[in-house]
């Protein structure tokens, strides 16, 4: 497997792929808003170095969240 480029996003990484569902396991703050613990989100893409998930909420907003702040929901 070739290394991921730091300035690109990908649709899969280490078993995670676009469309998977995740739930926040702790509150998350960004400039444009806050997410509480327990919010269900859908994986849109993955940023690298450091690895963070770009997740979409039910309103269609994108959040960039560290991988340790969410857990995968089995469907």
PDB file of N, CA and C in Angstrom:
ATOM      1  N   UNK A   1       0.851  -1.176   0.000  1.00  0.00           N
ATOM      2  CA  UNK A   1       0.000   0.000   0.000  1.00  0.00           C
ATOM      3  C   UNK A   1       0.896   1.238   0.000  1.00  0.00           C
ATOM      4  N   UNK A   2       0.615   2.161  -0.887  1.00  0.00           N
ATOM      5  CA  UNK A   2       1.417   3.377  -0.963  1.00  0.00           C
ATOM      6  C   UNK A   2       1.024   4.341   0.159  1.00  0.00           C
ATOM      7  N   UNK A   3       1.964   5.168   0.602  1.00  0.00           N
ATOM      8  CA  UNK A   3       1.640   6.120   1.674  1.00  0.00           C
ATOM      9  C   UNK A   3       0.625   7.164   1.210  1.00  0.00           C
ATOM     10  N   UNK A   4      -0.151   7.672   2.135  1.00  0.00           N
ATOM     11  CA  UNK A   4      -1.141   8.711   1.836  1.00  0.00           C
ATOM     12  C   UNK A   4      -0.432  10.057   1.725  1.00  0.00           C
ATOM     13  N   UNK A   5      -0.858  10.869   0.772  1.00  0.00           N
ATOM     14  CA  UNK A   5      -0.293  12.203   0.636  1.00  0.00           C
ATOM     15  C   UNK A   5      -0.932  13.121   1.669  1.00  0.00           C
ATOM     16  N   UNK A   6      -0.105  13.944   2.340  1.00  0.00           N
ATOM     17  CA  UNK A   6      -0.607  14.773   3.435  1.00  0.00           C
ATOM     18  C   UNK A   6      -1.595  15.841   2.987  1.00  0.00           C
ATOM     19  N   UNK A   7      -1.551  16.252   1.740  1.00  0.00           N
ATOM     20  CA  UNK A   7      -2.429  17.327   1.276  1.00  0.00           C
ATOM     21  C   UNK A   7      -3.671  16.818   0.548  1.00  0.00           C
ATOM     22  N   UNK A   8      -3.932  15.530   0.623  1.00  0.00           N
ATOM     23  CA  UNK A   8      -5.089  14.931  -0.045  1.00  0.00           C
ATOM     24  C   UNK A   8      -5.977  14.253   0.993  1.00  0.00           C
ATOM     25  N   UNK A   9      -7.234  14.060   0.631  1.00  0.00           N
ATOM     26  CA  UNK A   9      -8.128  13.258   1.467  1.00  0.00           C
ATOM     27  C   UNK A   9      -8.374  11.945   0.746  1.00  0.00           C
ATOM     28  N   UNK A  10      -8.773  10.932   1.486  1.00  0.00           N
ATOM     29  CA  UNK A  10      -9.066   9.639   0.879  1.00  0.00           C
ATOM     30  C   UNK A  10     -10.440   9.167   1.326  1.00  0.00           C
ATOM     31  N   UNK A  11     -10.932   8.116   0.668  1.00  0.00           N
ATOM     32  CA  UNK A  11     -12.255   7.591   1.007  1.00  0.00           C
ATOM     33  C   UNK A  11     -12.172   6.322   1.839  1.00  0.00           C
ATOM     34  N   UNK A  12     -10.947   5.809   2.091  1.00  0.00           N
ATOM     35  CA  UNK A  12     -10.775   4.649   2.964  1.00  0.00           C
ATOM     36  C   UNK A  12      -9.409   4.699   3.622  1.00  0.00           C
ATOM     37  N   UNK A  13      -9.351   4.104   4.831  1.00  0.00           N
ATOM     38  CA  UNK A  13      -8.096   4.053   5.579  1.00  0.00           C
ATOM     39  C   UNK A  13      -8.283   3.127   6.770  1.00  0.00           C
ATOM     40  N   UNK A  14      -7.453   2.111   6.880  1.00  0.00           N
ATOM     41  CA  UNK A  14      -7.447   1.197   8.032  1.00  0.00           C
ATOM     42  C   UNK A  14      -8.833   0.661   8.385  1.00  0.00           C
ATOM     43  N   UNK A  15      -9.561   0.196   7.399  1.00  0.00           N
ATOM     44  CA  UNK A  15     -10.876  -0.399   7.643  1.00  0.00           C
ATOM     45  C   UNK A  15     -12.028   0.577   7.648  1.00  0.00           C
ATOM     46  N   UNK A  16     -11.751   1.863   7.653  1.00  0.00           N
ATOM     47  CA  UNK A  16     -12.809   2.879   7.598  1.00  0.00           C
ATOM     48  C   UNK A  16     -13.019   3.274   6.144  1.00  0.00           C
ATOM     49  N   UNK A  17     -14.280   3.385   5.730  1.00  0.00           N
ATOM     50  CA  UNK A  17     -14.549   3.802   4.356  1.00  0.00           C
ATOM     51  C   UNK A  17     -15.776   4.705   4.301  1.00  0.00           C
ATOM     52  N   UNK A  18     -15.842   5.480   3.242  1.00  0.00           N
ATOM     53  CA  UNK A  18     -16.912   6.458   3.049  1.00  0.00           C
ATOM     54  C   UNK A  18     -18.276   5.794   3.215  1.00  0.00           C
ATOM     55  N   UNK A  19     -19.169   6.476   3.930  1.00  0.00           N
ATOM     56  CA  UNK A  19     -20.517   5.977   4.152  1.00  0.00           C
ATOM     57  C   UNK A  19     -20.719   5.276   5.486  1.00  0.00           C
ATOM     58  N   UNK A  20     -19.634   4.884   6.162  1.00  0.00           N
ATOM     59  CA  UNK A  20     -19.765   4.237   7.471  1.00  0.00           C
ATOM     60  C   UNK A  20     -20.312   5.235   8.486  1.00  0.00           C
ATOM     61  N   UNK A  21     -21.019   4.712   9.479  1.00  0.00           N
ATOM     62  CA  UNK A  21     -21.615   5.548  10.523  1.00  0.00           C
ATOM     63  C   UNK A  21     -20.725   5.541  11.765  1.00  0.00           C
ATOM     64  N   UNK A  22     -20.615   6.717  12.386  1.00  0.00           N
ATOM     65  CA  UNK A  22     -19.838   6.893  13.609  1.00  0.00           C
ATOM     66  C   UNK A  22     -20.649   7.689  14.614  1.00  0.00           C
ATOM     67  N   UNK A  23     -20.299   7.528  15.892  1.00  0.00           N
ATOM     68  CA  UNK A  23     -20.953   8.259  16.978  1.00  0.00           C
ATOM     69  C   UNK A  23     -19.874   8.957  17.789  1.00  0.00           C
ATOM     70  N   UNK A  24     -20.122  10.219  18.149  1.00  0.00           N
ATOM     71  CA  UNK A  24     -19.160  10.935  18.986  1.00  0.00           C
ATOM     72  C   UNK A  24     -19.162  10.329  20.390  1.00  0.00           C
ATOM     73  N   UNK A  25     -17.968  10.149  20.958  1.00  0.00           N
ATOM     74  CA  UNK A  25     -17.870   9.583  22.306  1.00  0.00           C
ATOM     75  C   UNK A  25     -17.475  10.641  23.332  1.00  0.00           C
ATOM     76  N   UNK A  26     -17.258  11.864  22.853  1.00  0.00           N
ATOM     77  CA  UNK A  26     -17.026  13.007  23.737  1.00  0.00           C
ATOM     78  C   UNK A  26     -17.378  14.273  22.963  1.00  0.00           C
ATOM     79  N   UNK A  27     -17.648  15.363  23.659  1.00  0.00           N
ATOM     80  CA  UNK A  27     -17.996  16.612  22.970  1.00  0.00           C
ATOM     81  C   UNK A  27     -16.859  17.071  22.046  1.00  0.00           C
ATOM     82  N   UNK A  28     -17.228  17.728  20.955  1.00  0.00           N
ATOM     83  CA  UNK A  28     -16.243  18.228  19.985  1.00  0.00           C
ATOM     84  C   UNK A  28     -16.565  19.682  19.664  1.00  0.00           C
ATOM     85  N   UNK A  29     -15.536  20.534  19.675  1.00  0.00           N
ATOM     86  CA  UNK A  29     -15.720  21.968  19.394  1.00  0.00           C
ATOM     87  C   UNK A  29     -14.989  22.362  18.116  1.00  0.00           C
ATOM     88  N   UNK A  30     -15.660  23.129  17.266  1.00  0.00           N
ATOM     89  CA  UNK A  30     -15.042  23.757  16.099  1.00  0.00           C
ATOM     90  C   UNK A  30     -15.496  25.205  16.076  1.00  0.00           C
ATOM     91  N   UNK A  31     -14.853  26.029  15.275  1.00  0.00           N
ATOM     92  CA  UNK A  31     -15.176  27.453  15.201  1.00  0.00           C
ATOM     93  C   UNK A  31     -16.653  27.669  14.854  1.00  0.00           C
ATOM     94  N   UNK A  32     -17.186  26.866  13.951  1.00  0.00           N
ATOM     95  CA  UNK A  32     -18.564  27.054  13.491  1.00  0.00           C
ATOM     96  C   UNK A  32     -19.618  26.336  14.329  1.00  0.00           C
ATOM     97  N   UNK A  33     -19.208  25.673  15.404  1.00  0.00           N
ATOM     98  CA  UNK A  33     -20.205  25.021  16.243  1.00  0.00           C
ATOM     99  C   UNK A  33     -19.632  23.933  17.127  1.00  0.00           C
ATOM    100  N   UNK A  34     -20.532  23.280  17.841  1.00  0.00           N
ATOM    101  CA  UNK A  34     -20.164  22.223  18.779  1.00  0.00           C
ATOM    102  C   UNK A  34     -21.006  20.985  18.526  1.00  0.00           C
ATOM    103  N   UNK A  35     -20.415  19.828  18.797  1.00  0.00           N
ATOM    104  CA  UNK A  35     -21.132  18.557  18.764  1.00  0.00           C
ATOM    105  C   UNK A  35     -21.116  17.976  20.170  1.00  0.00           C
ATOM    106  N   UNK A  36     -22.236  17.473  20.599  1.00  0.00           N
ATOM    107  CA  UNK A  36     -22.321  16.817  21.900  1.00  0.00           C
ATOM    108  C   UNK A  36     -21.936  15.347  21.763  1.00  0.00           C
ATOM    109  N   UNK A  37     -21.714  14.699  22.870  1.00  0.00           N
ATOM    110  CA  UNK A  37     -21.472  13.264  22.905  1.00  0.00           C
ATOM    111  C   UNK A  37     -22.723  12.535  22.420  1.00  0.00           C
ATOM    112  N   UNK A  38     -22.550  11.469  21.627  1.00  0.00           N
ATOM    113  CA  UNK A  38     -23.665  10.643  21.187  1.00  0.00           C
ATOM    114  C   UNK A  38     -24.279  11.024  19.849  1.00  0.00           C
ATOM    115  N   UNK A  39     -23.712  12.003  19.139  1.00  0.00           N
ATOM    116  CA  UNK A  39     -24.242  12.422  17.839  1.00  0.00           C
ATOM    117  C   UNK A  39     -23.796  11.417  16.772  1.00  0.00           C
ATOM    118  N   UNK A  40     -24.739  10.960  15.936  1.00  0.00           N
ATOM    119  CA  UNK A  40     -24.439  10.014  14.859  1.00  0.00           C
ATOM    120  C   UNK A  40     -24.074  10.800  13.601  1.00  0.00           C
ATOM    121  N   UNK A  41     -22.962  10.391  12.975  1.00  0.00           N
ATOM    122  CA  UNK A  41     -22.428  11.066  11.793  1.00  0.00           C
ATOM    123  C   UNK A  41     -22.058  10.035  10.732  1.00  0.00           C
ATOM    124  N   UNK A  42     -21.941  10.479   9.477  1.00  0.00           N
ATOM    125  CA  UNK A  42     -21.560   9.597   8.373  1.00  0.00           C
ATOM    126  C   UNK A  42     -20.196  10.021   7.836  1.00  0.00           C
ATOM    127  N   UNK A  43     -19.314   9.038   7.615  1.00  0.00           N
ATOM    128  CA  UNK A  43     -17.972   9.331   7.119  1.00  0.00           C
ATOM    129  C   UNK A  43     -18.029   9.822   5.674  1.00  0.00           C
ATOM    130  N   UNK A  44     -17.468  11.006   5.441  1.00  0.00           N
ATOM    131  CA  UNK A  44     -17.416  11.592   4.101  1.00  0.00           C
ATOM    132  C   UNK A  44     -16.039  11.377   3.474  1.00  0.00           C
ATOM    133  N   UNK A  45     -14.971  11.633   4.240  1.00  0.00           N
ATOM    134  CA  UNK A  45     -13.610  11.436   3.752  1.00  0.00           C
ATOM    135  C   UNK A  45     -12.655  11.404   4.942  1.00  0.00           C
ATOM    136  N   UNK A  46     -11.391  11.113   4.650  1.00  0.00           N
ATOM    137  CA  UNK A  46     -10.388  10.989   5.702  1.00  0.00           C
ATOM    138  C   UNK A  46      -9.207  11.891   5.364  1.00  0.00           C
ATOM    139  N   UNK A  47      -8.849  12.765   6.295  1.00  0.00           N
ATOM    140  CA  UNK A  47      -7.678  13.635   6.154  1.00  0.00           C
ATOM    141  C   UNK A  47      -6.501  12.938   6.836  1.00  0.00           C
ATOM    142  N   UNK A  48      -5.289  13.229   6.393  1.00  0.00           N
ATOM    143  CA  UNK A  48      -4.112  12.532   6.911  1.00  0.00           C
ATOM    144  C   UNK A  48      -3.088  13.491   7.507  1.00  0.00           C
ATOM    145  N   UNK A  49      -2.288  12.944   8.427  1.00  0.00           N
ATOM    146  CA  UNK A  49      -1.151  13.623   9.068  1.00  0.00           C
ATOM    147  C   UNK A  49      -1.562  14.848   9.852  1.00  0.00           C
ATOM    148  N   UNK A  50      -2.198  14.719  10.986  1.00  0.00           N
ATOM    149  CA  UNK A  50      -2.661  13.492  11.621  1.00  0.00           C
ATOM    150  C   UNK A  50      -3.990  13.035  11.018  1.00  0.00           C
ATOM    151  N   UNK A  51      -4.266  11.745  11.168  1.00  0.00           N
ATOM    152  CA  UNK A  51      -5.493  11.188  10.606  1.00  0.00           C
ATOM    153  C   UNK A  51      -6.701  11.704  11.366  1.00  0.00           C
ATOM    154  N   UNK A  52      -7.622  12.301  10.627  1.00  0.00           N
ATOM    155  CA  UNK A  52      -8.889  12.788  11.177  1.00  0.00           C
ATOM    156  C   UNK A  52      -9.990  12.416  10.207  1.00  0.00           C
ATOM    157  N   UNK A  53     -11.165  12.143  10.753  1.00  0.00           N
ATOM    158  CA  UNK A  53     -12.314  11.833   9.908  1.00  0.00           C
ATOM    159  C   UNK A  53     -13.068  13.110   9.571  1.00  0.00           C
ATOM    160  N   UNK A  54     -13.501  13.231   8.333  1.00  0.00           N
ATOM    161  CA  UNK A  54     -14.396  14.316   7.917  1.00  0.00           C
ATOM    162  C   UNK A  54     -15.779  13.688   7.878  1.00  0.00           C
ATOM    163  N   UNK A  55     -16.598  14.038   8.851  1.00  0.00           N
ATOM    164  CA  UNK A  55     -17.906  13.416   9.042  1.00  0.00           C
ATOM    165  C   UNK A  55     -19.021  14.405   8.763  1.00  0.00           C
ATOM    166  N   UNK A  56     -20.120  13.889   8.211  1.00  0.00           N
ATOM    167  CA  UNK A  56     -21.262  14.724   7.848  1.00  0.00           C
ATOM    168  C   UNK A  56     -22.404  14.450   8.818  1.00  0.00           C
ATOM    169  N   UNK A  57     -23.022  15.531   9.327  1.00  0.00           N
ATOM    170  CA  UNK A  57     -24.172  15.376  10.220  1.00  0.00           C
ATOM    171  C   UNK A  57     -25.465  15.343   9.409  1.00  0.00           C
ATOM    172  N   UNK A  58     -26.598  15.208  10.097  1.00  0.00           N
ATOM    173  CA  UNK A  58     -27.882  15.072   9.394  1.00  0.00           C
ATOM    174  C   UNK A  58     -28.284  16.338   8.643  1.00  0.00           C
ATOM    175  N   UNK A  59     -27.695  17.487   8.994  1.00  0.00           N
ATOM    176  CA  UNK A  59     -27.966  18.739   8.273  1.00  0.00           C
ATOM    177  C   UNK A  59     -27.026  18.935   7.084  1.00  0.00           C
ATOM    178  N   UNK A  60     -26.076  18.014   6.907  1.00  0.00           N
ATOM    179  CA  UNK A  60     -25.142  18.104   5.794  1.00  0.00           C
ATOM    180  C   UNK A  60     -23.869  18.879   6.088  1.00  0.00           C
ATOM    181  N   UNK A  61     -23.686  19.320   7.340  1.00  0.00           N
ATOM    182  CA  UNK A  61     -22.460  20.041   7.714  1.00  0.00           C
ATOM    183  C   UNK A  61     -21.310  19.052   7.885  1.00  0.00           C
ATOM    184  N   UNK A  62     -20.114  19.449   7.452  1.00  0.00           N
ATOM    185  CA  UNK A  62     -18.927  18.613   7.603  1.00  0.00           C
ATOM    186  C   UNK A  62     -18.158  19.005   8.857  1.00  0.00           C
ATOM    187  N   UNK A  63     -17.735  17.992   9.608  1.00  0.00           N
ATOM    188  CA  UNK A  63     -16.950  18.181  10.826  1.00  0.00           C
ATOM    189  C   UNK A  63     -15.649  17.406  10.658  1.00  0.00           C
ATOM    190  N   UNK A  64     -14.529  17.989  11.054  1.00  0.00           N
ATOM    191  CA  UNK A  64     -13.235  17.307  11.026  1.00  0.00           C
ATOM    192  C   UNK A  64     -12.913  16.907  12.458  1.00  0.00           C
ATOM    193  N   UNK A  65     -12.974  15.595  12.713  1.00  0.00           N
ATOM    194  CA  UNK A  65     -12.922  15.087  14.081  1.00  0.00           C
ATOM    195  C   UNK A  65     -11.787  14.075  14.232  1.00  0.00           C
ATOM    196  N   UNK A  66     -10.979  14.166  15.304  1.00  0.00           N
ATOM    197  CA  UNK A  66      -9.933  13.172  15.547  1.00  0.00           C
ATOM    198  C   UNK A  66     -10.539  11.771  15.672  1.00  0.00           C
ATOM    199  N   UNK A  67      -9.802  10.775  15.216  1.00  0.00           N
ATOM    200  CA  UNK A  67     -10.311   9.398  15.230  1.00  0.00           C
ATOM    201  C   UNK A  67     -10.618   8.907  16.645  1.00  0.00           C
ATOM    202  N   UNK A  68      -9.928   9.435  17.660  1.00  0.00           N
ATOM    203  CA  UNK A  68     -10.157   8.984  19.036  1.00  0.00           C
ATOM    204  C   UNK A  68     -11.406   9.609  19.671  1.00  0.00           C
ATOM    205  N   UNK A  69     -12.089  10.495  18.950  1.00  0.00           N
ATOM    206  CA  UNK A  69     -13.292  11.144  19.487  1.00  0.00           C
ATOM    207  C   UNK A  69     -14.590  10.507  19.006  1.00  0.00           C
ATOM    208  N   UNK A  70     -14.475   9.466  18.177  1.00  0.00           N
ATOM    209  CA  UNK A  70     -15.664   8.787  17.650  1.00  0.00           C
ATOM    210  C   UNK A  70     -15.480   7.277  17.718  1.00  0.00           C
ATOM    211  N   UNK A  71     -16.597   6.564  17.665  1.00  0.00           N
ATOM    212  CA  UNK A  71     -16.539   5.109  17.553  1.00  0.00           C
ATOM    213  C   UNK A  71     -17.488   4.684  16.442  1.00  0.00           C
ATOM    214  N   UNK A  72     -17.102   3.612  15.762  1.00  0.00           N
ATOM    215  CA  UNK A  72     -17.900   3.112  14.646  1.00  0.00           C
ATOM    216  C   UNK A  72     -19.177   2.461  15.160  1.00  0.00           C
ATOM    217  N   UNK A  73     -20.259   2.681  14.424  1.00  0.00           N
ATOM    218  CA  UNK A  73     -21.538   2.046  14.736  1.00  0.00           C
ATOM    219  C   UNK A  73     -21.709   0.880  13.776  1.00  0.00           C
ATOM    220  N   UNK A  74     -21.852  -0.301  14.299  1.00  0.00           N
ATOM    221  CA  UNK A  74     -22.074  -1.488  13.465  1.00  0.00           C
ATOM    222  C   UNK A  74     -23.495  -1.471  12.939  1.00  0.00           C
ATOM    223  N   UNK A  75     -23.638  -1.703  11.646  1.00  0.00           N
ATOM    224  CA  UNK A  75     -24.984  -1.706  11.051  1.00  0.00           C
ATOM    225  C   UNK A  75     -25.429  -3.104  10.733  1.00  0.00           C
TER     226      UNK A  75
END
